[in-house]
Amino acid sequence: MKRVLVLVLALAAVGAAKSVVLTLDAPCNNVCGLGWEDGKLWAVDEVSDMVYQLDPTNGDILSSFDASISSSYDATGLAVENGYVYVGAWNGYTSAYVYKFNESGGYLGATYMCGG
């Protein structure tokens, strides 16, 4: 069964929202990060490493791409900024990376982060 995402969208940018304005079904069962920029809602799945762009009005998947760069790393979070999608990934032990993608899923590089 899909987890249900509760999204507080109204005035979220300024932190003034005080009520749930919309509830959407998740595009997958293991969402571990959400991002929002310029009216675009993004989610990443920690098991499949798939990134989804979602329609924020109904939860439909508008596009998706595979963000798995290495099979030994799992997605741990997501952020979007200036038209780029950043996916955090960790090997579960000692190292982590932040992978940078364009909105179409084109891989643009990685930054090593200390893990553990």
PDB file of N, CA and C in Angstrom:
ATOM      1  N   MET A   1       0.842  -1.185   0.000  1.00  0.00           N
ATOM      2  CA  MET A   1       0.000   0.000   0.000  1.00  0.00           C
ATOM      3  C   MET A   1       0.883   1.243   0.000  1.00  0.00           C
ATOM      4  N   LYS A   2       0.510   2.189  -0.800  1.00  0.00           N
ATOM      5  CA  LYS A   2       1.301   3.408  -0.896  1.00  0.00           C
ATOM      6  C   LYS A   2       1.169   4.229   0.373  1.00  0.00           C
ATOM      7  N   ARG A   3       2.273   4.800   0.762  1.00  0.00           N
ATOM      8  CA  ARG A   3       2.205   5.743   1.875  1.00  0.00           C
ATOM      9  C   ARG A   3       1.520   7.000   1.380  1.00  0.00           C
ATOM     10  N   VAL A   4       0.901   7.665   2.255  1.00  0.00           N
ATOM     11  CA  VAL A   4       0.214   8.894   1.882  1.00  0.00           C
ATOM     12  C   VAL A   4       1.080  10.067   2.305  1.00  0.00           C
ATOM     13  N   LEU A   5       1.309  10.944   1.361  1.00  0.00           N
ATOM     14  CA  LEU A   5       2.072  12.151   1.646  1.00  0.00           C
ATOM     15  C   LEU A   5       1.112  13.253   2.063  1.00  0.00           C
ATOM     16  N   VAL A   6       1.438  13.896   3.116  1.00  0.00           N
ATOM     17  CA  VAL A   6       0.654  15.047   3.527  1.00  0.00           C
ATOM     18  C   VAL A   6       1.469  16.276   3.181  1.00  0.00           C
ATOM     19  N   LEU A   7       0.910  17.075   2.320  1.00  0.00           N
ATOM     20  CA  LEU A   7       1.645  18.228   1.815  1.00  0.00           C
ATOM     21  C   LEU A   7       0.994  19.521   2.261  1.00  0.00           C
ATOM     22  N   VAL A   8       1.749  20.302   2.928  1.00  0.00           N
ATOM     23  CA  VAL A   8       1.253  21.610   3.330  1.00  0.00           C
ATOM     24  C   VAL A   8       1.816  22.598   2.325  1.00  0.00           C
ATOM     25  N   LEU A   9       0.973  23.000   1.391  1.00  0.00           N
ATOM     26  CA  LEU A   9       1.438  23.827   0.287  1.00  0.00           C
ATOM     27  C   LEU A   9       1.148  25.315   0.471  1.00  0.00           C
ATOM     28  N   ALA A  10       0.032  25.635   1.104  1.00  0.00           N
ATOM     29  CA  ALA A  10      -0.352  27.035   1.212  1.00  0.00           C
ATOM     30  C   ALA A  10       0.635  27.811   2.073  1.00  0.00           C
ATOM     31  N   LEU A  11       1.238  28.752   1.506  1.00  0.00           N
ATOM     32  CA  LEU A  11       2.169  29.651   2.194  1.00  0.00           C
ATOM     33  C   LEU A  11       3.364  28.928   2.815  1.00  0.00           C
ATOM     34  N   ALA A  12       3.714  27.784   2.288  1.00  0.00           N
ATOM     35  CA  ALA A  12       4.820  27.007   2.850  1.00  0.00           C
ATOM     36  C   ALA A  12       6.136  27.756   2.771  1.00  0.00           C
ATOM     37  N   ALA A  13       6.301  28.549   1.748  1.00  0.00           N
ATOM     38  CA  ALA A  13       7.555  29.283   1.571  1.00  0.00           C
ATOM     39  C   ALA A  13       7.822  30.244   2.719  1.00  0.00           C
ATOM     40  N   VAL A  14       6.797  30.764   3.317  1.00  0.00           N
ATOM     41  CA  VAL A  14       6.991  31.698   4.428  1.00  0.00           C
ATOM     42  C   VAL A  14       6.682  31.064   5.770  1.00  0.00           C
ATOM     43  N   GLY A  15       6.360  29.806   5.772  1.00  0.00           N
ATOM     44  CA  GLY A  15       6.134  29.091   7.020  1.00  0.00           C
ATOM     45  C   GLY A  15       4.855  29.466   7.743  1.00  0.00           C
ATOM     46  N   ALA A  16       3.902  30.072   7.047  1.00  0.00           N
ATOM     47  CA  ALA A  16       2.695  30.524   7.723  1.00  0.00           C
ATOM     48  C   ALA A  16       1.546  29.529   7.643  1.00  0.00           C
ATOM     49  N   ALA A  17       1.710  28.433   6.929  1.00  0.00           N
ATOM     50  CA  ALA A  17       0.617  27.469   6.793  1.00  0.00           C
ATOM     51  C   ALA A  17       0.301  26.818   8.131  1.00  0.00           C
ATOM     52  N   LYS A  18      -0.969  26.677   8.418  1.00  0.00           N
ATOM     53  CA  LYS A  18      -1.371  26.090   9.689  1.00  0.00           C
ATOM     54  C   LYS A  18      -2.367  24.961   9.519  1.00  0.00           C
ATOM     55  N   SER A  19      -2.629  24.572   8.265  1.00  0.00           N
ATOM     56  CA  SER A  19      -3.578  23.498   8.052  1.00  0.00           C
ATOM     57  C   SER A  19      -3.167  22.682   6.829  1.00  0.00           C
ATOM     58  N   VAL A  20      -3.608  21.454   6.798  1.00  0.00           N
ATOM     59  CA  VAL A  20      -3.367  20.587   5.653  1.00  0.00           C
ATOM     60  C   VAL A  20      -4.308  21.034   4.544  1.00  0.00           C
ATOM     61  N   VAL A  21      -3.746  21.343   3.376  1.00  0.00           N
ATOM     62  CA  VAL A  21      -4.583  21.811   2.276  1.00  0.00           C
ATOM     63  C   VAL A  21      -4.792  20.754   1.204  1.00  0.00           C
ATOM     64  N   LEU A  22      -3.954  19.705   1.208  1.00  0.00           N
ATOM     65  CA  LEU A  22      -4.077  18.670   0.204  1.00  0.00           C
ATOM     66  C   LEU A  22      -3.311  17.437   0.660  1.00  0.00           C
ATOM     67  N   THR A  23      -3.870  16.273   0.423  1.00  0.00           N
ATOM     68  CA  THR A  23      -3.192  15.006   0.696  1.00  0.00           C
ATOM     69  C   THR A  23      -3.106  14.240  -0.612  1.00  0.00           C
ATOM     70  N   LEU A  24      -1.903  13.759  -0.927  1.00  0.00           N
ATOM     71  CA  LEU A  24      -1.670  13.037  -2.173  1.00  0.00           C
ATOM     72  C   LEU A  24      -1.133  11.646  -1.881  1.00  0.00           C
ATOM     73  N   ASP A  25      -1.431  10.691  -2.754  1.00  0.00           N
ATOM     74  CA  ASP A  25      -0.785   9.388  -2.669  1.00  0.00           C
ATOM     75  C   ASP A  25       0.654   9.529  -3.141  1.00  0.00           C
ATOM     76  N   ALA A  26       1.546   8.817  -2.489  1.00  0.00           N
ATOM     77  CA  ALA A  26       2.957   8.827  -2.871  1.00  0.00           C
ATOM     78  C   ALA A  26       3.134   8.061  -4.183  1.00  0.00           C
ATOM     79  N   PRO A  27       4.141   8.433  -4.975  1.00  0.00           N
ATOM     80  CA  PRO A  27       4.367   7.733  -6.238  1.00  0.00           C
ATOM     81  C   PRO A  27       5.018   6.359  -6.055  1.00  0.00           C
ATOM     82  N   CYS A  28       5.441   6.076  -4.823  1.00  0.00           N
ATOM     83  CA  CYS A  28       6.140   4.825  -4.517  1.00  0.00           C
ATOM     84  C   CYS A  28       5.978   4.546  -3.023  1.00  0.00           C
ATOM     85  N   ASN A  29       6.534   3.453  -2.545  1.00  0.00           N
ATOM     86  CA  ASN A  29       6.357   3.081  -1.136  1.00  0.00           C
ATOM     87  C   ASN A  29       7.440   3.581  -0.191  1.00  0.00           C
ATOM     88  N   ASN A  30       8.521   4.149  -0.713  1.00  0.00           N
ATOM     89  CA  ASN A  30       9.667   4.472   0.143  1.00  0.00           C
ATOM     90  C   ASN A  30      10.180   5.886  -0.071  1.00  0.00           C
ATOM     91  N   VAL A  31       9.299   6.868  -0.060  1.00  0.00           N
ATOM     92  CA  VAL A  31       9.719   8.248  -0.247  1.00  0.00           C
ATOM     93  C   VAL A  31      10.604   8.666   0.929  1.00  0.00           C
ATOM     94  N   CYS A  32      11.788   9.180   0.606  1.00  0.00           N
ATOM     95  CA  CYS A  32      12.698   9.621   1.667  1.00  0.00           C
ATOM     96  C   CYS A  32      13.082  11.086   1.510  1.00  0.00           C
ATOM     97  N   GLY A  33      12.519  11.764   0.526  1.00  0.00           N
ATOM     98  CA  GLY A  33      12.801  13.181   0.367  1.00  0.00           C
ATOM     99  C   GLY A  33      11.813  13.836  -0.571  1.00  0.00           C
ATOM    100  N   LEU A  34      11.463  15.085  -0.251  1.00  0.00           N
ATOM    101  CA  LEU A  34      10.583  15.893  -1.082  1.00  0.00           C
ATOM    102  C   LEU A  34      11.265  17.218  -1.373  1.00  0.00           C
ATOM    103  N   GLY A  35      10.985  17.773  -2.535  1.00  0.00           N
ATOM    104  CA  GLY A  35      11.501  19.089  -2.892  1.00  0.00           C
ATOM    105  C   GLY A  35      10.432  19.889  -3.607  1.00  0.00           C
ATOM    106  N   TRP A  36      10.538  21.217  -3.503  1.00  0.00           N
ATOM    107  CA  TRP A  36       9.569  22.115  -4.121  1.00  0.00           C
ATOM    108  C   TRP A  36      10.304  23.323  -4.659  1.00  0.00           C
ATOM    109  N   GLU A  37      10.048  23.650  -5.927  1.00  0.00           N
ATOM    110  CA  GLU A  37      10.598  24.874  -6.508  1.00  0.00           C
ATOM    111  C   GLU A  37       9.784  25.249  -7.733  1.00  0.00           C
ATOM    112  N   ASP A  38       9.447  26.514  -7.849  1.00  0.00           N
ATOM    113  CA  ASP A  38       8.753  27.047  -9.021  1.00  0.00           C
ATOM    114  C   ASP A  38       7.503  26.242  -9.396  1.00  0.00           C
ATOM    115  N   GLY A  39       6.718  25.857  -8.399  1.00  0.00           N
ATOM    116  CA  GLY A  39       5.489  25.129  -8.656  1.00  0.00           C
ATOM    117  C   GLY A  39       5.676  23.669  -9.007  1.00  0.00           C
ATOM    118  N   LYS A  40       6.894  23.154  -8.831  1.00  0.00           N
ATOM    119  CA  LYS A  40       7.191  21.756  -9.143  1.00  0.00           C
ATOM    120  C   LYS A  40       7.435  20.992  -7.845  1.00  0.00           C
ATOM    121  N   LEU A  41       6.790  19.845  -7.723  1.00  0.00           N
ATOM    122  CA  LEU A  41       6.938  18.973  -6.564  1.00  0.00           C
ATOM    123  C   LEU A  41       7.765  17.755  -6.980  1.00  0.00           C
ATOM    124  N   TRP A  42       8.775  17.428  -6.194  1.00  0.00           N
ATOM    125  CA  TRP A  42       9.689  16.323  -6.486  1.00  0.00           C
ATOM    126  C   TRP A  42       9.716  15.356  -5.312  1.00  0.00           C
ATOM    127  N   ALA A  43       9.947  14.067  -5.597  1.00  0.00           N
ATOM    128  CA  ALA A  43      10.086  13.038  -4.561  1.00  0.00           C
ATOM    129  C   ALA A  43      11.160  12.053  -4.998  1.00  0.00           C
ATOM    130  N   VAL A  44      11.826  11.430  -4.016  1.00  0.00           N
ATOM    131  CA  VAL A  44      12.810  10.385  -4.323  1.00  0.00           C
ATOM    132  C   VAL A  44      12.487   9.154  -3.480  1.00  0.00           C
ATOM    133  N   ASP A  45      12.675   7.972  -4.075  1.00  0.00           N
ATOM    134  CA  ASP A  45      12.441   6.691  -3.419  1.00  0.00           C
ATOM    135  C   ASP A  45      13.773   6.127  -2.941  1.00  0.00           C
ATOM    136  N   GLU A  46      13.867   5.770  -1.656  1.00  0.00           N
ATOM    137  CA  GLU A  46      15.128   5.297  -1.088  1.00  0.00           C
ATOM    138  C   GLU A  46      15.516   3.897  -1.533  1.00  0.00           C
ATOM    139  N   VAL A  47      14.589   3.096  -2.002  1.00  0.00           N
ATOM    140  CA  VAL A  47      14.894   1.725  -2.420  1.00  0.00           C
ATOM    141  C   VAL A  47      15.251   1.664  -3.908  1.00  0.00           C
ATOM    142  N   SER A  48      14.428   2.271  -4.745  1.00  0.00           N
ATOM    143  CA  SER A  48      14.671   2.209  -6.194  1.00  0.00           C
ATOM    144  C   SER A  48      15.576   3.327  -6.692  1.00  0.00           C
ATOM    145  N   ASP A  49      15.785   4.372  -5.881  1.00  0.00           N
ATOM    146  CA  ASP A  49      16.545   5.567  -6.269  1.00  0.00           C
ATOM    147  C   ASP A  49      15.893   6.320  -7.427  1.00  0.00           C
ATOM    148  N   MET A  50      14.610   6.129  -7.619  1.00  0.00           N
ATOM    149  CA  MET A  50      13.890   6.862  -8.660  1.00  0.00           C
ATOM    150  C   MET A  50      13.484   8.237  -8.140  1.00  0.00           C
ATOM    151  N   VAL A  51      13.635   9.237  -8.997  1.00  0.00           N
ATOM    152  CA  VAL A  51      13.199  10.596  -8.711  1.00  0.00           C
ATOM    153  C   VAL A  51      11.956  10.861  -9.550  1.00  0.00           C
ATOM    154  N   TYR A  52      10.941  11.449  -8.915  1.00  0.00           N
ATOM    155  CA  TYR A  52       9.671  11.714  -9.575  1.00  0.00           C
ATOM    156  C   TYR A  52       9.356  13.203  -9.527  1.00  0.00           C
ATOM    157  N   GLN A  53       8.937  13.755 -10.661  1.00  0.00           N
ATOM    158  CA  GLN A  53       8.330  15.074 -10.667  1.00  0.00           C
ATOM    159  C   GLN A  53       6.831  14.844 -10.665  1.00  0.00           C
ATOM    160  N   LEU A  54       6.148  15.456  -9.707  1.00  0.00           N
ATOM    161  CA  LEU A  54       4.716  15.210  -9.503  1.00  0.00           C
ATOM    162  C   LEU A  54       3.891  16.448  -9.793  1.00  0.00           C
ATOM    163  N   ASP A  55       2.686  16.220 -10.274  1.00  0.00           N
ATOM    164  CA  ASP A  55       1.725  17.301 -10.413  1.00  0.00           C
ATOM    165  C   ASP A  55       1.238  17.641  -9.004  1.00  0.00           C
ATOM    166  N   PRO A  56       1.487  18.865  -8.523  1.00  0.00           N
ATOM    167  CA  PRO A  56       1.125  19.186  -7.138  1.00  0.00           C
ATOM    168  C   PRO A  56      -0.374  19.304  -6.899  1.00  0.00           C
ATOM    169  N   THR A  57      -1.180  19.263  -7.945  1.00  0.00           N
ATOM    170  CA  THR A  57      -2.629  19.363  -7.754  1.00  0.00           C
ATOM    171  C   THR A  57      -3.300  18.018  -7.584  1.00  0.00           C
ATOM    172  N   ASN A  58      -2.648  16.936  -8.110  1.00  0.00           N
ATOM    173  CA  ASN A  58      -3.301  15.626  -8.020  1.00  0.00           C
ATOM    174  C   ASN A  58      -2.338  14.460  -7.769  1.00  0.00           C
ATOM    175  N   GLY A  59      -1.028  14.717  -7.732  1.00  0.00           N
ATOM    176  CA  GLY A  59      -0.053  13.669  -7.441  1.00  0.00           C
ATOM    177  C   GLY A  59       0.365  12.835  -8.631  1.00  0.00           C
ATOM    178  N   ASP A  60      -0.170  13.118  -9.822  1.00  0.00           N
ATOM    179  CA  ASP A  60       0.225  12.352 -11.006  1.00  0.00           C
ATOM    180  C   ASP A  60       1.722  12.507 -11.277  1.00  0.00           C
ATOM    181  N   ILE A  61       2.357  11.444 -11.757  1.00  0.00           N
ATOM    182  CA  ILE A  61       3.774  11.488 -12.111  1.00  0.00           C
ATOM    183  C   ILE A  61       3.896  12.160 -13.474  1.00  0.00           C
ATOM    184  N   LEU A  62       4.631  13.282 -13.521  1.00  0.00           N
ATOM    185  CA  LEU A  62       4.845  14.010 -14.764  1.00  0.00           C
ATOM    186  C   LEU A  62       6.100  13.527 -15.484  1.00  0.00           C
ATOM    187  N   SER A  63       7.107  13.155 -14.712  1.00  0.00           N
ATOM    188  CA  SER A  63       8.347  12.617 -15.275  1.00  0.00           C
ATOM    189  C   SER A  63       9.079  11.882 -14.162  1.00  0.00           C
ATOM    190  N   SER A  64      10.060  11.088 -14.547  1.00  0.00           N
ATOM    191  CA  SER A  64      10.870  10.381 -13.547  1.00  0.00           C
ATOM    192  C   SER A  64      12.216  10.046 -14.165  1.00  0.00           C
ATOM    193  N   PHE A  65      13.195   9.809 -13.290  1.00  0.00           N
ATOM    194  CA  PHE A  65      14.500   9.345 -13.749  1.00  0.00           C
ATOM    195  C   PHE A  65      15.171   8.544 -12.649  1.00  0.00           C
ATOM    196  N   ASP A  66      16.090   7.704 -13.066  1.00  0.00           N
ATOM    197  CA  ASP A  66      16.840   6.851 -12.145  1.00  0.00           C
ATOM    198  C   ASP A  66      18.047   7.624 -11.641  1.00  0.00           C
ATOM    199  N   ALA A  67      18.138   7.813 -10.331  1.00  0.00           N
ATOM    200  CA  ALA A  67      19.234   8.565  -9.729  1.00  0.00           C
ATOM    201  C   ALA A  67      20.298   7.661  -9.116  1.00  0.00           C
ATOM    202  N   SER A  68      20.266   6.370  -9.416  1.00  0.00           N
ATOM    203  CA  SER A  68      21.266   5.461  -8.834  1.00  0.00           C
ATOM    204  C   SER A  68      22.558   5.553  -9.648  1.00  0.00           C
ATOM    205  N   ILE A  69      23.585   6.041  -9.001  1.00  0.00           N
ATOM    206  CA  ILE A  69      24.899   6.159  -9.621  1.00  0.00           C
ATOM    207  C   ILE A  69      25.738   4.938  -9.255  1.00  0.00           C
ATOM    208  N   SER A  70      25.597   4.466  -8.030  1.00  0.00           N
ATOM    209  CA  SER A  70      26.315   3.283  -7.558  1.00  0.00           C
ATOM    210  C   SER A  70      25.328   2.382  -6.825  1.00  0.00           C
ATOM    211  N   SER A  71      25.405   1.088  -7.077  1.00  0.00           N
ATOM    212  CA  SER A  71      24.467   0.160  -6.436  1.00  0.00           C
ATOM    213  C   SER A  71      24.703   0.023  -4.936  1.00  0.00           C
ATOM    214  N   SER A  72      25.853   0.485  -4.450  1.00  0.00           N
ATOM    215  CA  SER A  72      26.131   0.361  -3.018  1.00  0.00           C
ATOM    216  C   SER A  72      25.676   1.587  -2.222  1.00  0.00           C
ATOM    217  N   TYR A  73      25.030   2.547  -2.873  1.00  0.00           N
ATOM    218  CA  TYR A  73      24.536   3.749  -2.202  1.00  0.00           C
ATOM    219  C   TYR A  73      23.026   3.844  -2.355  1.00  0.00           C
ATOM    220  N   ASP A  74      22.338   4.242  -1.276  1.00  0.00           N
ATOM    221  CA  ASP A  74      20.888   4.406  -1.290  1.00  0.00           C
ATOM    222  C   ASP A  74      20.537   5.874  -1.119  1.00  0.00           C
ATOM    223  N   ALA A  75      19.498   6.306  -1.803  1.00  0.00           N
ATOM    224  CA  ALA A  75      19.020   7.680  -1.666  1.00  0.00           C
ATOM    225  C   ALA A  75      18.602   7.943  -0.219  1.00  0.00           C
ATOM    226  N   THR A  76      18.924   9.133   0.263  1.00  0.00           N
ATOM    227  CA  THR A  76      18.567   9.505   1.632  1.00  0.00           C
ATOM    228  C   THR A  76      17.845  10.843   1.727  1.00  0.00           C
ATOM    229  N   GLY A  77      17.726  11.542   0.628  1.00  0.00           N
ATOM    230  CA  GLY A  77      17.050  12.831   0.660  1.00  0.00           C
ATOM    231  C   GLY A  77      17.109  13.512  -0.687  1.00  0.00           C
ATOM    232  N   LEU A  78      16.382  14.618  -0.801  1.00  0.00           N
ATOM    233  CA  LEU A  78      16.292  15.334  -2.066  1.00  0.00           C
ATOM    234  C   LEU A  78      16.133  16.818  -1.804  1.00  0.00           C
ATOM    235  N   ALA A  79      16.729  17.625  -2.670  1.00  0.00           N
ATOM    236  CA  ALA A  79      16.545  19.078  -2.645  1.00  0.00           C
ATOM    237  C   ALA A  79      16.537  19.569  -4.085  1.00  0.00           C
ATOM    238  N   VAL A  80      15.868  20.680  -4.330  1.00  0.00           N
ATOM    239  CA  VAL A  80      15.892  21.309  -5.644  1.00  0.00           C
ATOM    240  C   VAL A  80      16.221  22.777  -5.476  1.00  0.00           C
ATOM    241  N   GLU A  81      17.021  23.285  -6.411  1.00  0.00           N
ATOM    242  CA  GLU A  81      17.380  24.697  -6.382  1.00  0.00           C
ATOM    243  C   GLU A  81      17.879  25.117  -7.752  1.00  0.00           C
ATOM    244  N   ASN A  82      17.386  26.253  -8.215  1.00  0.00           N
ATOM    245  CA  ASN A  82      17.816  26.840  -9.489  1.00  0.00           C
ATOM    246  C   ASN A  82      17.730  25.855 -10.652  1.00  0.00           C
ATOM    247  N   GLY A  83      16.701  25.026 -10.664  1.00  0.00           N
ATOM    248  CA  GLY A  83      16.504  24.094 -11.761  1.00  0.00           C
ATOM    249  C   GLY A  83      17.331  22.824 -11.678  1.00  0.00           C
ATOM    250  N   TYR A  84      18.009  22.602 -10.571  1.00  0.00           N
ATOM    251  CA  TYR A  84      18.793  21.383 -10.370  1.00  0.00           C
ATOM    252  C   TYR A  84      18.170  20.529  -9.279  1.00  0.00           C
ATOM    253  N   VAL A  85      18.307  19.223  -9.429  1.00  0.00           N
ATOM    254  CA  VAL A  85      17.803  18.270  -8.447  1.00  0.00           C
ATOM    255  C   VAL A  85      19.005  17.635  -7.773  1.00  0.00           C
ATOM    256  N   TYR A  86      19.055  17.706  -6.451  1.00  0.00           N
ATOM    257  CA  TYR A  86      20.156  17.141  -5.676  1.00  0.00           C
ATOM    258  C   TYR A  86      19.636  15.943  -4.888  1.00  0.00           C
ATOM    259  N   VAL A  87      20.317  14.816  -5.003  1.00  0.00           N
ATOM    260  CA  VAL A  87      19.918  13.603  -4.298  1.00  0.00           C
ATOM    261  C   VAL A  87      21.057  13.184  -3.378  1.00  0.00           C
ATOM    262  N   GLY A  88      20.755  13.111  -2.088  1.00  0.00           N
ATOM    263  CA  GLY A  88      21.726  12.611  -1.124  1.00  0.00           C
ATOM    264  C   GLY A  88      21.734  11.090  -1.157  1.00  0.00           C
ATOM    265  N   ALA A  89      22.923  10.489  -1.038  1.00  0.00           N
ATOM    266  CA  ALA A  89      23.047   9.026  -1.054  1.00  0.00           C
ATOM    267  C   ALA A  89      24.105   8.609  -0.046  1.00  0.00           C
ATOM    268  N   TRP A  90      23.845   7.497   0.629  1.00  0.00           N
ATOM    269  CA  TRP A  90      24.723   7.008   1.690  1.00  0.00           C
ATOM    270  C   TRP A  90      24.913   5.511   1.523  1.00  0.00           C
ATOM    271  N   ASN A  91      26.110   5.014   1.861  1.00  0.00           N
ATOM    272  CA  ASN A  91      26.365   3.572   1.721  1.00  0.00           C
ATOM    273  C   ASN A  91      25.992   2.791   2.973  1.00  0.00           C
ATOM    274  N   GLY A  92      25.471   3.467   3.995  1.00  0.00           N
ATOM    275  CA  GLY A  92      25.055   2.794   5.218  1.00  0.00           C
ATOM    276  C   GLY A  92      26.173   2.611   6.230  1.00  0.00           C
ATOM    277  N   TYR A  93      27.371   3.026   5.883  1.00  0.00           N
ATOM    278  CA  TYR A  93      28.518   2.811   6.773  1.00  0.00           C
ATOM    279  C   TYR A  93      29.320   4.083   7.001  1.00  0.00           C
ATOM    280  N   THR A  94      30.075   4.482   6.013  1.00  0.00           N
ATOM    281  CA  THR A  94      31.045   5.543   6.259  1.00  0.00           C
ATOM    282  C   THR A  94      31.072   6.666   5.237  1.00  0.00           C
ATOM    283  N   SER A  95      30.414   6.547   4.121  1.00  0.00           N
ATOM    284  CA  SER A  95      30.531   7.612   3.136  1.00  0.00           C
ATOM    285  C   SER A  95      29.190   7.957   2.500  1.00  0.00           C
ATOM    286  N   ALA A  96      29.127   9.202   2.036  1.00  0.00           N
ATOM    287  CA  ALA A  96      27.906   9.705   1.426  1.00  0.00           C
ATOM    288  C   ALA A  96      28.269  10.679   0.317  1.00  0.00           C
ATOM    289  N   TYR A  97      27.353  10.842  -0.610  1.00  0.00           N
ATOM    290  CA  TYR A  97      27.516  11.778  -1.709  1.00  0.00           C
ATOM    291  C   TYR A  97      26.233  12.569  -1.900  1.00  0.00           C
ATOM    292  N   VAL A  98      26.362  13.737  -2.500  1.00  0.00           N
ATOM    293  CA  VAL A  98      25.214  14.469  -3.017  1.00  0.00           C
ATOM    294  C   VAL A  98      25.405  14.504  -4.525  1.00  0.00           C
ATOM    295  N   TYR A  99      24.446  13.906  -5.244  1.00  0.00           N
ATOM    296  CA  TYR A  99      24.486  13.849  -6.699  1.00  0.00           C
ATOM    297  C   TYR A  99      23.664  14.998  -7.267  1.00  0.00           C
ATOM    298  N   LYS A 100      24.175  15.617  -8.320  1.00  0.00           N
ATOM    299  CA  LYS A 100      23.496  16.736  -8.965  1.00  0.00           C
ATOM    300  C   LYS A 100      22.981  16.292 -10.338  1.00  0.00           C
ATOM    301  N   PHE A 101      21.707  16.606 -10.612  1.00  0.00           N
ATOM    302  CA  PHE A 101      21.065  16.267 -11.879  1.00  0.00           C
ATOM    303  C   PHE A 101      20.361  17.498 -12.436  1.00  0.00           C
ATOM    304  N   ASN A 102      20.187  17.541 -13.760  1.00  0.00           N
ATOM    305  CA  ASN A 102      19.266  18.528 -14.295  1.00  0.00           C
ATOM    306  C   ASN A 102      17.859  17.952 -14.160  1.00  0.00           C
ATOM    307  N   GLU A 103      16.855  18.737 -14.476  1.00  0.00           N
ATOM    308  CA  GLU A 103      15.472  18.288 -14.260  1.00  0.00           C
ATOM    309  C   GLU A 103      15.066  17.128 -15.158  1.00  0.00           C
ATOM    310  N   SER A 104      15.840  16.855 -16.195  1.00  0.00           N
ATOM    311  CA  SER A 104      15.559  15.714 -17.077  1.00  0.00           C
ATOM    312  C   SER A 104      16.268  14.448 -16.633  1.00  0.00           C
ATOM    313  N   GLY A 105      17.067  14.554 -15.557  1.00  0.00           N
ATOM    314  CA  GLY A 105      17.777  13.390 -15.047  1.00  0.00           C
ATOM    315  C   GLY A 105      19.203  13.270 -15.538  1.00  0.00           C
ATOM    316  N   GLY A 106      19.682  14.261 -16.257  1.00  0.00           N
ATOM    317  CA  GLY A 106      21.075  14.232 -16.702  1.00  0.00           C
ATOM    318  C   GLY A 106      22.024  14.413 -15.528  1.00  0.00           C
ATOM    319  N   TYR A 107      22.956  13.476 -15.357  1.00  0.00           N
ATOM    320  CA  TYR A 107      23.900  13.503 -14.239  1.00  0.00           C
ATOM    321  C   TYR A 107      24.930  14.593 -14.477  1.00  0.00           C
ATOM    322  N   LEU A 108      25.145  15.460 -13.475  1.00  0.00           N
ATOM    323  CA  LEU A 108      26.044  16.606 -13.612  1.00  0.00           C
ATOM    324  C   LEU A 108      27.224  16.561 -12.646  1.00  0.00           C
ATOM    325  N   GLY A 109      27.316  15.533 -11.801  1.00  0.00           N
ATOM    326  CA  GLY A 109      28.446  15.420 -10.888  1.00  0.00           C
ATOM    327  C   GLY A 109      28.014  15.107  -9.473  1.00  0.00           C
ATOM    328  N   ALA A 110      29.031  14.970  -8.617  1.00  0.00           N
ATOM    329  CA  ALA A 110      28.775  14.587  -7.225  1.00  0.00           C
ATOM    330  C   ALA A 110      29.743  15.313  -6.299  1.00  0.00           C
ATOM    331  N   THR A 111      29.314  15.469  -5.071  1.00  0.00           N
ATOM    332  CA  THR A 111      30.150  16.020  -4.001  1.00  0.00           C
ATOM    333  C   THR A 111      30.213  15.001  -2.897  1.00  0.00           C
ATOM    334  N   TYR A 112      31.433  14.651  -2.446  1.00  0.00           N
ATOM    335  CA  TYR A 112      31.602  13.710  -1.360  1.00  0.00           C
ATOM    336  C   TYR A 112      31.248  14.372  -0.045  1.00  0.00           C
ATOM    337  N   MET A 113      30.545  13.644   0.800  1.00  0.00           N
ATOM    338  CA  MET A 113      30.188  14.124   2.134  1.00  0.00           C
ATOM    339  C   MET A 113      30.679  13.087   3.139  1.00  0.00           C
ATOM    340  N   CYS A 114      31.129  13.534   4.274  1.00  0.00           N
ATOM    341  CA  CYS A 114      31.527  12.557   5.277  1.00  0.00           C
ATOM    342  C   CYS A 114      30.288  11.814   5.733  1.00  0.00           C
ATOM    343  N   GLY A 115      30.421  10.552   5.990  1.00  0.00           N
ATOM    344  CA  GLY A 115      29.273   9.749   6.411  1.00  0.00           C
ATOM    345  C   GLY A 115      29.530   9.119   7.764  1.00  0.00           C
ATOM    346  N   GLY A 116      28.587   8.283   8.151  1.00  0.00           N
ATOM    347  CA  GLY A 116      28.764   7.543   9.400  1.00  0.00           C
ATOM    348  C   GLY A 116      28.321   8.264  10.551  1.00  0.00           C
TER     349      GLY A 116
END
